[in-house]
């Protein structure tokens, strides 16, 4: 669902439209558990008093390129590989933390010198440019949600 890219004021309205349109209702008729899933999404993500209100996950007004938490997942994967075991000793953990701090200091220093950040794949750059263009067209009145 691309609902996270809609303006915050339109999230609930468009979710309701999606949940009640004919296509969704046919799907629910074939798979009754789908209605429970829709209700779960509404209770936890769409409702203002849900566990994860739209203000938390909506990305419409974000100006940065981070749309996912893949960088966090990547760090955890790398960290688990560095540690190499489920229950490291305190000394191993501290040594690896110091090594990680040293790498971070090197990265910060290279950014301070103006070096380019790591290369992003072309397809992700193109996708981000398209999302930015569509958002700008919507904000400037050149695009509606129907087009």
C-alpha atoms as a PDB file:
ATOM      1  CA  UNK A   1       0.000   0.000   0.000  1.00  0.00           C
ATOM      2  CA  UNK A   2       1.300   3.419  -0.899  1.00  0.00           C
ATOM      3  CA  UNK A   3      -0.938   5.054   1.689  1.00  0.00           C
ATOM      4  CA  UNK A   4       2.127   6.205   3.626  1.00  0.00           C
ATOM      5  CA  UNK A   5       2.948   8.586   0.764  1.00  0.00           C
ATOM      6  CA  UNK A   6      -0.395  10.414   0.924  1.00  0.00           C
ATOM      7  CA  UNK A   7      -0.839  13.681   2.787  1.00  0.00           C
ATOM      8  CA  UNK A   8      -1.627  12.929   6.424  1.00  0.00           C
ATOM      9  CA  UNK A   9      -5.091  14.507   6.180  1.00  0.00           C
ATOM     10  CA  UNK A  10      -6.060  12.037   3.431  1.00  0.00           C
ATOM     11  CA  UNK A  11      -4.775   8.803   4.953  1.00  0.00           C
ATOM     12  CA  UNK A  12      -7.949   7.841   6.831  1.00  0.00           C
ATOM     13  CA  UNK A  13     -10.244   8.827   3.953  1.00  0.00           C
ATOM     14  CA  UNK A  14      -8.290   6.799   1.398  1.00  0.00           C
ATOM     15  CA  UNK A  15      -7.942   3.810   3.700  1.00  0.00           C
ATOM     16  CA  UNK A  16     -11.711   3.793   4.187  1.00  0.00           C
ATOM     17  CA  UNK A  17     -12.198   4.037   0.405  1.00  0.00           C
ATOM     18  CA  UNK A  18      -9.803   1.144  -0.135  1.00  0.00           C
ATOM     19  CA  UNK A  19     -11.456  -0.971   2.568  1.00  0.00           C
ATOM     20  CA  UNK A  20     -14.966  -0.453   1.187  1.00  0.00           C
ATOM     21  CA  UNK A  21     -14.449  -0.542  -2.588  1.00  0.00           C
ATOM     22  CA  UNK A  22     -15.959  -3.373  -4.651  1.00  0.00           C
ATOM     23  CA  UNK A  23     -12.665  -5.086  -5.355  1.00  0.00           C
ATOM     24  CA  UNK A  24     -11.817  -5.295  -1.652  1.00  0.00           C
ATOM     25  CA  UNK A  25     -15.299  -6.496  -0.782  1.00  0.00           C
ATOM     26  CA  UNK A  26     -15.018  -9.309  -3.359  1.00  0.00           C
ATOM     27  CA  UNK A  27     -11.705 -10.290  -1.820  1.00  0.00           C
ATOM     28  CA  UNK A  28     -13.232 -10.280   1.675  1.00  0.00           C
ATOM     29  CA  UNK A  29     -16.110 -12.454   0.415  1.00  0.00           C
ATOM     30  CA  UNK A  30     -13.588 -15.042  -0.786  1.00  0.00           C
ATOM     31  CA  UNK A  31     -11.315 -14.738   2.244  1.00  0.00           C
ATOM     32  CA  UNK A  32     -13.308 -13.757   5.354  1.00  0.00           C
ATOM     33  CA  UNK A  33     -10.145 -13.380   7.469  1.00  0.00           C
ATOM     34  CA  UNK A  34      -9.269 -10.411   5.262  1.00  0.00           C
ATOM     35  CA  UNK A  35     -11.909  -8.365   7.100  1.00  0.00           C
ATOM     36  CA  UNK A  36     -10.118  -9.048  10.373  1.00  0.00           C
ATOM     37  CA  UNK A  37      -6.859  -7.942   8.772  1.00  0.00           C
ATOM     38  CA  UNK A  38      -8.438  -4.701   7.536  1.00  0.00           C
ATOM     39  CA  UNK A  39      -9.838  -4.091  11.023  1.00  0.00           C
ATOM     40  CA  UNK A  40      -6.412  -4.782  12.532  1.00  0.00           C
ATOM     41  CA  UNK A  41      -4.794  -2.225  10.208  1.00  0.00           C
ATOM     42  CA  UNK A  42      -7.444   0.344  11.030  1.00  0.00           C
ATOM     43  CA  UNK A  43      -7.198  -0.192  14.785  1.00  0.00           C
ATOM     44  CA  UNK A  44      -3.410  -0.146  14.926  1.00  0.00           C
ATOM     45  CA  UNK A  45      -2.270   2.128  12.079  1.00  0.00           C
ATOM     46  CA  UNK A  46      -5.115   4.355  10.909  1.00  0.00           C
ATOM     47  CA  UNK A  47      -6.898   5.266  14.140  1.00  0.00           C
ATOM     48  CA  UNK A  48      -5.572   8.319  16.011  1.00  0.00           C
ATOM     49  CA  UNK A  49      -5.424   6.309  19.232  1.00  0.00           C
ATOM     50  CA  UNK A  50      -3.924   3.193  17.595  1.00  0.00           C
ATOM     51  CA  UNK A  51      -0.580   1.728  18.546  1.00  0.00           C
ATOM     52  CA  UNK A  52       1.124   3.306  15.531  1.00  0.00           C
ATOM     53  CA  UNK A  53      -0.768   6.454  14.481  1.00  0.00           C
ATOM     54  CA  UNK A  54      -0.228   7.769  10.961  1.00  0.00           C
ATOM     55  CA  UNK A  55       1.935  10.639  12.217  1.00  0.00           C
ATOM     56  CA  UNK A  56       4.535   8.032  13.113  1.00  0.00           C
ATOM     57  CA  UNK A  57       4.791   6.225   9.769  1.00  0.00           C
ATOM     58  CA  UNK A  58       3.570   8.721   7.178  1.00  0.00           C
ATOM     59  CA  UNK A  59       6.406   9.905   4.915  1.00  0.00           C
ATOM     60  CA  UNK A  60       4.631  12.537   2.797  1.00  0.00           C
ATOM     61  CA  UNK A  61       6.414  15.551   4.324  1.00  0.00           C
ATOM     62  CA  UNK A  62       9.769  13.921   4.968  1.00  0.00           C
ATOM     63  CA  UNK A  63      12.545  15.551   3.003  1.00  0.00           C
ATOM     64  CA  UNK A  64      15.156  12.883   3.490  1.00  0.00           C
ATOM     65  CA  UNK A  65      15.774   9.813   1.383  1.00  0.00           C
ATOM     66  CA  UNK A  66      15.184   7.333   4.195  1.00  0.00           C
ATOM     67  CA  UNK A  67      11.864   5.634   3.528  1.00  0.00           C
ATOM     68  CA  UNK A  68      12.689   2.277   5.101  1.00  0.00           C
ATOM     69  CA  UNK A  69      14.624   0.917   8.037  1.00  0.00           C
ATOM     70  CA  UNK A  70      16.886  -1.169   5.790  1.00  0.00           C
ATOM     71  CA  UNK A  71      19.955   0.680   7.087  1.00  0.00           C
ATOM     72  CA  UNK A  72      19.092  -0.457  10.622  1.00  0.00           C
ATOM     73  CA  UNK A  73      18.498  -4.030   9.465  1.00  0.00           C
ATOM     74  CA  UNK A  74      21.829  -3.921   7.642  1.00  0.00           C
ATOM     75  CA  UNK A  75      23.614  -2.704  10.749  1.00  0.00           C
ATOM     76  CA  UNK A  76      22.100  -5.504  12.851  1.00  0.00           C
ATOM     77  CA  UNK A  77      23.121  -8.108  10.286  1.00  0.00           C
ATOM     78  CA  UNK A  78      26.666  -6.737  10.170  1.00  0.00           C
ATOM     79  CA  UNK A  79      26.844  -6.488  13.976  1.00  0.00           C
ATOM     80  CA  UNK A  80      25.688 -10.090  14.393  1.00  0.00           C
ATOM     81  CA  UNK A  81      28.362 -11.188  11.915  1.00  0.00           C
ATOM     82  CA  UNK A  82      31.030  -9.181  13.757  1.00  0.00           C
ATOM     83  CA  UNK A  83      30.095 -10.626  17.167  1.00  0.00           C
ATOM     84  CA  UNK A  84      29.757 -14.118  15.699  1.00  0.00           C
ATOM     85  CA  UNK A  85      27.943 -15.733  18.623  1.00  0.00           C
ATOM     86  CA  UNK A  86      24.674 -15.498  20.534  1.00  0.00           C
ATOM     87  CA  UNK A  87      26.179 -14.797  23.979  1.00  0.00           C
ATOM     88  CA  UNK A  88      29.546 -13.038  23.719  1.00  0.00           C
ATOM     89  CA  UNK A  89      31.668 -12.404  26.776  1.00  0.00           C
ATOM     90  CA  UNK A  90      31.705  -8.877  28.156  1.00  0.00           C
ATOM     91  CA  UNK A  91      35.303  -8.408  26.991  1.00  0.00           C
ATOM     92  CA  UNK A  92      34.588  -9.518  23.433  1.00  0.00           C
ATOM     93  CA  UNK A  93      31.549  -7.234  23.335  1.00  0.00           C
ATOM     94  CA  UNK A  94      33.575  -4.239  24.585  1.00  0.00           C
ATOM     95  CA  UNK A  95      36.404  -4.910  22.112  1.00  0.00           C
ATOM     96  CA  UNK A  96      33.933  -5.086  19.211  1.00  0.00           C
ATOM     97  CA  UNK A  97      32.174  -1.919  20.410  1.00  0.00           C
ATOM     98  CA  UNK A  98      35.512  -0.079  20.407  1.00  0.00           C
ATOM     99  CA  UNK A  99      36.236  -1.373  16.888  1.00  0.00           C
ATOM    100  CA  UNK A 100      32.788  -0.161  15.775  1.00  0.00           C
ATOM    101  CA  UNK A 101      33.379   3.247  17.373  1.00  0.00           C
ATOM    102  CA  UNK A 102      36.683   3.549  15.494  1.00  0.00           C
ATOM    103  CA  UNK A 103      34.943   2.770  12.168  1.00  0.00           C
ATOM    104  CA  UNK A 104      32.243   5.314  12.958  1.00  0.00           C
ATOM    105  CA  UNK A 105      34.849   7.982  13.713  1.00  0.00           C
ATOM    106  CA  UNK A 106      36.518   7.265  10.350  1.00  0.00           C
ATOM    107  CA  UNK A 107      33.143   7.572   8.580  1.00  0.00           C
ATOM    108  CA  UNK A 108      32.341  10.867  10.324  1.00  0.00           C
ATOM    109  CA  UNK A 109      35.797  12.241   9.492  1.00  0.00           C
ATOM    110  CA  UNK A 110      35.412  11.321   5.811  1.00  0.00           C
ATOM    111  CA  UNK A 111      32.006  13.045   5.720  1.00  0.00           C
ATOM    112  CA  UNK A 112      33.603  16.077   7.369  1.00  0.00           C
ATOM    113  CA  UNK A 113      36.189  16.175   4.587  1.00  0.00           C
ATOM    114  CA  UNK A 114      33.366  16.302   2.053  1.00  0.00           C
ATOM    115  CA  UNK A 115      33.792  12.804   0.679  1.00  0.00           C
ATOM    116  CA  UNK A 116      30.782  11.351  -1.083  1.00  0.00           C
ATOM    117  CA  UNK A 117      28.500   9.025   0.881  1.00  0.00           C
ATOM    118  CA  UNK A 118      28.233   5.367  -0.178  1.00  0.00           C
ATOM    119  CA  UNK A 119      26.831   4.865  -3.679  1.00  0.00           C
ATOM    120  CA  UNK A 120      23.097   4.207  -3.998  1.00  0.00           C
ATOM    121  CA  UNK A 121      21.721   1.984  -6.718  1.00  0.00           C
ATOM    122  CA  UNK A 122      20.271   3.777  -9.728  1.00  0.00           C
ATOM    123  CA  UNK A 123      16.823   2.212  -9.302  1.00  0.00           C
ATOM    124  CA  UNK A 124      16.501   3.622  -5.749  1.00  0.00           C
ATOM    125  CA  UNK A 125      17.652   7.071  -6.855  1.00  0.00           C
ATOM    126  CA  UNK A 126      15.136   6.999  -9.719  1.00  0.00           C
ATOM    127  CA  UNK A 127      12.358   5.901  -7.385  1.00  0.00           C
ATOM    128  CA  UNK A 128      13.151   8.688  -4.908  1.00  0.00           C
ATOM    129  CA  UNK A 129      13.186  11.268  -7.714  1.00  0.00           C
ATOM    130  CA  UNK A 130       9.786  10.043  -8.925  1.00  0.00           C
ATOM    131  CA  UNK A 131       8.276  10.181  -5.433  1.00  0.00           C
ATOM    132  CA  UNK A 132       9.644  13.700  -4.916  1.00  0.00           C
ATOM    133  CA  UNK A 133       8.327  14.831  -8.326  1.00  0.00           C
ATOM    134  CA  UNK A 134       4.843  13.425  -7.670  1.00  0.00           C
ATOM    135  CA  UNK A 135       4.706  15.012  -4.216  1.00  0.00           C
ATOM    136  CA  UNK A 136       5.809  18.384  -5.605  1.00  0.00           C
ATOM    137  CA  UNK A 137       3.241  18.192  -8.416  1.00  0.00           C
ATOM    138  CA  UNK A 138       0.521  17.453  -5.866  1.00  0.00           C
ATOM    139  CA  UNK A 139       1.628  20.342  -3.617  1.00  0.00           C
ATOM    140  CA  UNK A 140       1.716  22.733  -6.601  1.00  0.00           C
ATOM    141  CA  UNK A 141      -1.765  21.728  -7.758  1.00  0.00           C
ATOM    142  CA  UNK A 142      -0.560  20.075 -10.975  1.00  0.00           C
ATOM    143  CA  UNK A 143      -1.658  16.601  -9.855  1.00  0.00           C
ATOM    144  CA  UNK A 144      -4.637  15.221  -8.000  1.00  0.00           C
ATOM    145  CA  UNK A 145      -5.001  11.879  -6.276  1.00  0.00           C
ATOM    146  CA  UNK A 146      -7.160  10.629  -9.150  1.00  0.00           C
ATOM    147  CA  UNK A 147      -4.448  11.076 -11.828  1.00  0.00           C
END
